Amino acid sequence: MRPTLMQAPFQHAIDNATQQGMQTTLKKLSDLESEIPLIKSSMGNFLSKVVIFELLALSDLGEMLVGGYHFCLFLLTLQQRSRVKIGSLVRLKKVRST
């Protein structure tokens, strides 16, 4: 069984400093909402790319957001992940058809 985020450092390409930075940003997300429009959407987009490029497992991201903390951010991440993957498939199909 693979160790969880809380048991071991990321098993992927994200180092400890990046992990701490992400957690700090997540903690300050509510405060940043008043200063930066659509910060949760931007963060969801960023996190979706981190997951797509396999720098962070989706389950590890879920652990960072455990207990419903920033639950909408997790949903935004899933939504953005789907959009990026679908967009990639459409582009690949167009390339293959030409």
C-alpha atoms as a PDB file:
ATOM      1  CA  MET A   1       0.000   0.000   0.000  1.00  0.00           C
ATOM      2  CA  ARG A   2       1.285   3.465  -0.940  1.00  0.00           C
ATOM      3  CA  PRO A   3       1.983   5.786   2.023  1.00  0.00           C
ATOM      4  CA  THR A   4      -0.349   8.768   2.365  1.00  0.00           C
ATOM      5  CA  LEU A   5       0.728  12.389   2.275  1.00  0.00           C
ATOM      6  CA  MET A   6       0.676  12.611   6.053  1.00  0.00           C
ATOM      7  CA  GLN A   7       2.846   9.493   6.431  1.00  0.00           C
ATOM      8  CA  ALA A   8       5.589  10.354   3.965  1.00  0.00           C
ATOM      9  CA  PRO A   9       6.788  13.157   1.703  1.00  0.00           C
ATOM     10  CA  PHE A  10       5.225  13.390  -1.748  1.00  0.00           C
ATOM     11  CA  GLN A  11       6.009  10.336  -3.815  1.00  0.00           C
ATOM     12  CA  HIS A  12       5.947  12.520  -6.907  1.00  0.00           C
ATOM     13  CA  ALA A  13       8.065  15.419  -8.147  1.00  0.00           C
ATOM     14  CA  ILE A  14       6.947  18.075  -5.655  1.00  0.00           C
ATOM     15  CA  ASP A  15       9.508  18.791  -2.982  1.00  0.00           C
ATOM     16  CA  ASN A  16       8.841  19.735   0.636  1.00  0.00           C
ATOM     17  CA  ALA A  17       9.250  23.483   0.073  1.00  0.00           C
ATOM     18  CA  THR A  18       6.665  23.427  -2.724  1.00  0.00           C
ATOM     19  CA  GLN A  19       4.311  21.372  -0.572  1.00  0.00           C
ATOM     20  CA  GLN A  20       4.637  23.889   2.266  1.00  0.00           C
ATOM     21  CA  GLY A  21       4.061  26.765  -0.152  1.00  0.00           C
ATOM     22  CA  MET A  22       0.895  25.157  -1.465  1.00  0.00           C
ATOM     23  CA  GLN A  23      -0.408  24.543   2.048  1.00  0.00           C
ATOM     24  CA  THR A  24       0.363  28.136   3.074  1.00  0.00           C
ATOM     25  CA  THR A  25      -1.424  29.455  -0.012  1.00  0.00           C
ATOM     26  CA  LEU A  26      -4.427  27.251   0.724  1.00  0.00           C
ATOM     27  CA  LYS A  27      -4.587  28.589   4.283  1.00  0.00           C
ATOM     28  CA  LYS A  28      -4.538  32.196   3.020  1.00  0.00           C
ATOM     29  CA  LEU A  29      -6.942  31.574   0.143  1.00  0.00           C
ATOM     30  CA  SER A  30      -9.938  33.128   1.901  1.00  0.00           C
ATOM     31  CA  ASP A  31      -7.974  36.310   2.622  1.00  0.00           C
ATOM     32  CA  LEU A  32      -6.680  36.466  -0.951  1.00  0.00           C
ATOM     33  CA  GLU A  33     -10.208  36.235  -2.392  1.00  0.00           C
ATOM     34  CA  SER A  34     -10.867  39.901  -1.596  1.00  0.00           C
ATOM     35  CA  GLU A  35      -7.625  41.015  -3.288  1.00  0.00           C
ATOM     36  CA  ILE A  36      -7.418  38.649  -6.275  1.00  0.00           C
ATOM     37  CA  PRO A  37     -10.533  38.041  -8.358  1.00  0.00           C
ATOM     38  CA  LEU A  38     -11.239  34.384  -9.199  1.00  0.00           C
ATOM     39  CA  ILE A  39      -8.332  33.146  -7.068  1.00  0.00           C
ATOM     40  CA  LYS A  40     -10.061  29.807  -6.462  1.00  0.00           C
ATOM     41  CA  SER A  41     -10.569  29.271 -10.191  1.00  0.00           C
ATOM     42  CA  SER A  42      -6.929  30.121 -10.858  1.00  0.00           C
ATOM     43  CA  MET A  43      -5.781  27.830  -8.064  1.00  0.00           C
ATOM     44  CA  GLY A  44      -8.065  25.055  -9.351  1.00  0.00           C
ATOM     45  CA  ASN A  45      -6.537  25.461 -12.818  1.00  0.00           C
ATOM     46  CA  PHE A  46      -3.014  25.337 -11.388  1.00  0.00           C
ATOM     47  CA  LEU A  47      -3.756  22.299  -9.225  1.00  0.00           C
ATOM     48  CA  SER A  48      -5.404  20.471 -12.130  1.00  0.00           C
ATOM     49  CA  LYS A  49      -2.213  20.865 -14.167  1.00  0.00           C
ATOM     50  CA  VAL A  50      -0.120  19.694 -11.232  1.00  0.00           C
ATOM     51  CA  VAL A  51      -2.283  16.553 -11.061  1.00  0.00           C
ATOM     52  CA  ILE A  52      -2.346  16.029 -14.853  1.00  0.00           C
ATOM     53  CA  PHE A  53       1.448  16.227 -15.052  1.00  0.00           C
ATOM     54  CA  GLU A  54       1.573  13.728 -12.182  1.00  0.00           C
ATOM     55  CA  LEU A  55       3.499  16.028  -9.880  1.00  0.00           C
ATOM     56  CA  LEU A  56       0.866  15.387  -7.239  1.00  0.00           C
ATOM     57  CA  ALA A  57      -1.606  12.534  -6.933  1.00  0.00           C
ATOM     58  CA  LEU A  58      -5.265  13.468  -6.808  1.00  0.00           C
ATOM     59  CA  SER A  59      -5.547  11.514  -3.551  1.00  0.00           C
ATOM     60  CA  ASP A  60      -2.744  13.623  -2.023  1.00  0.00           C
ATOM     61  CA  LEU A  61      -4.533  16.789  -3.053  1.00  0.00           C
ATOM     62  CA  GLY A  62      -7.672  15.408  -1.441  1.00  0.00           C
ATOM     63  CA  GLU A  63      -5.743  14.896   1.787  1.00  0.00           C
ATOM     64  CA  MET A  64      -4.591  18.518   1.732  1.00  0.00           C
ATOM     65  CA  LEU A  65      -8.241  19.563   1.498  1.00  0.00           C
ATOM     66  CA  VAL A  66      -9.569  16.991   3.986  1.00  0.00           C
ATOM     67  CA  GLY A  67     -12.570  17.798   6.120  1.00  0.00           C
ATOM     68  CA  GLY A  68     -14.281  19.873   3.434  1.00  0.00           C
ATOM     69  CA  TYR A  69     -11.762  22.668   3.827  1.00  0.00           C
ATOM     70  CA  HIS A  70     -11.898  24.502   0.510  1.00  0.00           C
ATOM     71  CA  PHE A  71     -14.231  21.817  -0.825  1.00  0.00           C
ATOM     72  CA  CYS A  72     -15.161  23.970  -3.816  1.00  0.00           C
ATOM     73  CA  LEU A  73     -11.464  24.161  -4.724  1.00  0.00           C
ATOM     74  CA  PHE A  74     -11.317  20.382  -5.068  1.00  0.00           C
ATOM     75  CA  LEU A  75     -14.394  20.444  -7.307  1.00  0.00           C
ATOM     76  CA  LEU A  76     -12.891  23.263  -9.394  1.00  0.00           C
ATOM     77  CA  THR A  77      -9.707  21.231  -9.742  1.00  0.00           C
ATOM     78  CA  LEU A  78     -11.656  18.215 -10.997  1.00  0.00           C
ATOM     79  CA  GLN A  79     -13.605  20.415 -13.415  1.00  0.00           C
ATOM     80  CA  GLN A  80     -10.457  22.054 -14.803  1.00  0.00           C
ATOM     81  CA  ARG A  81      -8.751  18.662 -15.054  1.00  0.00           C
ATOM     82  CA  SER A  82     -11.627  17.369 -17.175  1.00  0.00           C
ATOM     83  CA  ARG A  83     -11.547  20.441 -19.415  1.00  0.00           C
ATOM     84  CA  VAL A  84      -7.815  20.212 -19.986  1.00  0.00           C
ATOM     85  CA  LYS A  85      -7.971  16.481 -20.738  1.00  0.00           C
ATOM     86  CA  ILE A  86     -10.936  16.895 -23.112  1.00  0.00           C
ATOM     87  CA  GLY A  87      -9.216  19.826 -24.836  1.00  0.00           C
ATOM     88  CA  SER A  88      -6.076  17.728 -25.273  1.00  0.00           C
ATOM     89  CA  LEU A  89      -8.074  14.869 -26.789  1.00  0.00           C
ATOM     90  CA  VAL A  90      -9.830  17.218 -29.229  1.00  0.00           C
ATOM     91  CA  ARG A  91      -6.496  18.726 -30.328  1.00  0.00           C
ATOM     92  CA  LEU A  92      -4.980  15.262 -30.744  1.00  0.00           C
ATOM     93  CA  LYS A  93      -7.935  14.143 -32.836  1.00  0.00           C
ATOM     94  CA  LYS A  94      -7.576  17.213 -35.082  1.00  0.00           C
ATOM     95  CA  VAL A  95      -3.858  16.551 -35.558  1.00  0.00           C
ATOM     96  CA  ARG A  96      -4.478  12.924 -36.456  1.00  0.00           C
ATOM     97  CA  SER A  97      -7.199  13.834 -38.959  1.00  0.00           C
ATOM     98  CA  THR A  98      -4.956  16.237 -40.900  1.00  0.00           C
END
